[in-house]
Amino acid sequence: MAVAIRSIPTLQGEDAERFLKEADYAEKNERKQDFGDKILLVRNFLREQGF
């Protein structure tokens, strides 16, 4: 039996404009944080725990 395909929600109007403005700001922000070291720490921990 087929499952109905749900529609994908989309932003429209002022919400879409606000989202794009904030996304552009976040992309241009020079104070980005690098979580690379913390990600490696967690991956190693999970690997040691058998996950």
N, C-alpha and C. Protein backbone atom coordinates (compact mmCIF):
# COMPACT_ATOMS: atom_id res chain seq x y z
N MET A 1 0.85 -1.17 0.00
CA MET A 1 0.00 0.00 0.00
C MET A 1 0.90 1.24 0.00
N ALA A 2 0.58 2.19 -0.80
CA ALA A 2 1.39 3.41 -0.93
C ALA A 2 1.16 4.35 0.25
N VAL A 3 2.22 5.05 0.60
CA VAL A 3 2.14 6.05 1.67
C VAL A 3 2.05 7.42 1.02
N ALA A 4 1.16 8.24 1.52
CA ALA A 4 0.99 9.58 0.96
C ALA A 4 2.25 10.41 1.19
N ILE A 5 2.62 11.19 0.20
CA ILE A 5 3.77 12.07 0.31
C ILE A 5 3.33 13.35 0.98
N ARG A 6 4.03 13.70 2.05
CA ARG A 6 3.69 14.94 2.75
C ARG A 6 4.34 16.12 2.05
N SER A 7 3.66 17.23 2.11
CA SER A 7 4.22 18.42 1.50
C SER A 7 5.34 18.97 2.37
N ILE A 8 6.31 19.59 1.74
CA ILE A 8 7.44 20.18 2.44
C ILE A 8 7.08 21.60 2.84
N PRO A 9 7.17 21.94 4.12
CA PRO A 9 6.83 23.31 4.52
C PRO A 9 7.84 24.31 3.95
N THR A 10 7.34 25.45 3.51
CA THR A 10 8.21 26.48 2.97
C THR A 10 7.90 27.81 3.64
N LEU A 11 8.92 28.62 3.75
CA LEU A 11 8.73 29.96 4.30
C LEU A 11 8.28 30.89 3.19
N GLN A 12 7.41 31.80 3.54
CA GLN A 12 6.93 32.76 2.55
C GLN A 12 6.81 34.13 3.20
N GLY A 13 6.84 35.15 2.38
CA GLY A 13 6.60 36.51 2.85
C GLY A 13 7.69 37.03 3.78
N GLU A 14 7.25 37.71 4.84
CA GLU A 14 8.19 38.33 5.78
C GLU A 14 9.08 37.30 6.48
N ASP A 15 8.53 36.13 6.75
CA ASP A 15 9.32 35.08 7.41
C ASP A 15 10.49 34.65 6.53
N ALA A 16 10.23 34.50 5.23
CA ALA A 16 11.28 34.10 4.30
C ALA A 16 12.35 35.20 4.18
N GLU A 17 11.93 36.43 4.11
CA GLU A 17 12.88 37.54 4.02
C GLU A 17 13.75 37.63 5.27
N ARG A 18 13.13 37.48 6.43
CA ARG A 18 13.88 37.53 7.69
C ARG A 18 14.88 36.37 7.78
N PHE A 19 14.45 35.19 7.35
CA PHE A 19 15.35 34.03 7.37
C PHE A 19 16.56 34.26 6.47
N LEU A 20 16.33 34.75 5.25
CA LEU A 20 17.43 35.00 4.33
C LEU A 20 18.39 36.07 4.87
N LYS A 21 17.85 37.11 5.48
CA LYS A 21 18.69 38.17 6.03
C LYS A 21 19.57 37.62 7.16
N GLU A 22 18.98 36.83 8.04
CA GLU A 22 19.75 36.26 9.14
C GLU A 22 20.75 35.21 8.66
N ALA A 23 20.40 34.46 7.63
CA ALA A 23 21.33 33.46 7.07
C ALA A 23 22.53 34.16 6.44
N ASP A 24 22.28 35.25 5.70
CA ASP A 24 23.39 36.01 5.11
C ASP A 24 24.30 36.58 6.18
N TYR A 25 23.71 37.11 7.25
CA TYR A 25 24.50 37.66 8.35
C TYR A 25 25.37 36.57 8.99
N ALA A 26 24.78 35.41 9.25
CA ALA A 26 25.52 34.32 9.87
C ALA A 26 26.65 33.83 8.98
N GLU A 27 26.42 33.82 7.67
CA GLU A 27 27.45 33.36 6.74
C GLU A 27 28.62 34.33 6.67
N LYS A 28 28.34 35.63 6.79
CA LYS A 28 29.39 36.64 6.70
C LYS A 28 30.07 36.92 8.04
N ASN A 29 29.51 36.39 9.12
CA ASN A 29 30.04 36.64 10.46
C ASN A 29 31.46 36.12 10.57
N GLU A 30 32.39 36.98 10.94
CA GLU A 30 33.80 36.59 11.05
C GLU A 30 34.13 35.94 12.39
N ARG A 31 33.21 35.95 13.31
CA ARG A 31 33.45 35.38 14.64
C ARG A 31 32.93 33.96 14.73
N LYS A 32 33.11 33.18 13.67
CA LYS A 32 32.66 31.79 13.66
C LYS A 32 33.50 30.98 14.63
N GLN A 33 32.90 29.97 15.21
CA GLN A 33 33.60 29.11 16.14
C GLN A 33 33.98 27.81 15.45
N ASP A 34 35.16 27.31 15.78
CA ASP A 34 35.63 26.04 15.23
C ASP A 34 35.44 24.95 16.28
N PHE A 35 34.57 24.02 15.98
CA PHE A 35 34.28 22.93 16.91
C PHE A 35 35.00 21.65 16.51
N GLY A 36 35.95 21.74 15.58
CA GLY A 36 36.63 20.56 15.08
C GLY A 36 37.29 19.73 16.16
N ASP A 37 37.98 20.38 17.11
CA ASP A 37 38.65 19.65 18.18
C ASP A 37 37.65 18.94 19.08
N LYS A 38 36.55 19.59 19.38
CA LYS A 38 35.54 18.99 20.25
C LYS A 38 34.85 17.82 19.55
N ILE A 39 34.64 17.94 18.25
CA ILE A 39 34.03 16.84 17.50
C ILE A 39 34.93 15.62 17.52
N LEU A 40 36.23 15.83 17.32
CA LEU A 40 37.17 14.70 17.37
C LEU A 40 37.20 14.07 18.75
N LEU A 41 37.13 14.88 19.79
CA LEU A 41 37.12 14.38 21.17
C LEU A 41 35.90 13.48 21.39
N VAL A 42 34.73 13.93 20.97
CA VAL A 42 33.51 13.15 21.14
C VAL A 42 33.56 11.87 20.30
N ARG A 43 34.03 11.97 19.06
CA ARG A 43 34.12 10.77 18.21
C ARG A 43 35.04 9.73 18.83
N ASN A 44 36.18 10.16 19.34
CA ASN A 44 37.10 9.22 19.98
C ASN A 44 36.48 8.59 21.21
N PHE A 45 35.77 9.39 22.01
CA PHE A 45 35.10 8.87 23.20
C PHE A 45 34.07 7.82 22.81
N LEU A 46 33.24 8.13 21.81
CA LEU A 46 32.21 7.18 21.39
C LEU A 46 32.83 5.91 20.82
N ARG A 47 33.92 6.04 20.08
CA ARG A 47 34.60 4.88 19.55
C ARG A 47 35.12 3.99 20.68
N GLU A 48 35.67 4.60 21.72
CA GLU A 48 36.17 3.83 22.87
C GLU A 48 35.03 3.13 23.60
N GLN A 49 33.84 3.73 23.58
CA GLN A 49 32.70 3.14 24.27
C GLN A 49 31.98 2.09 23.42
N GLY A 50 32.42 1.93 22.17
CA GLY A 50 31.83 0.90 21.31
C GLY A 50 30.67 1.36 20.47
N PHE A 51 30.55 2.65 20.30
CA PHE A 51 29.44 3.17 19.47
C PHE A 51 29.90 3.44 18.07
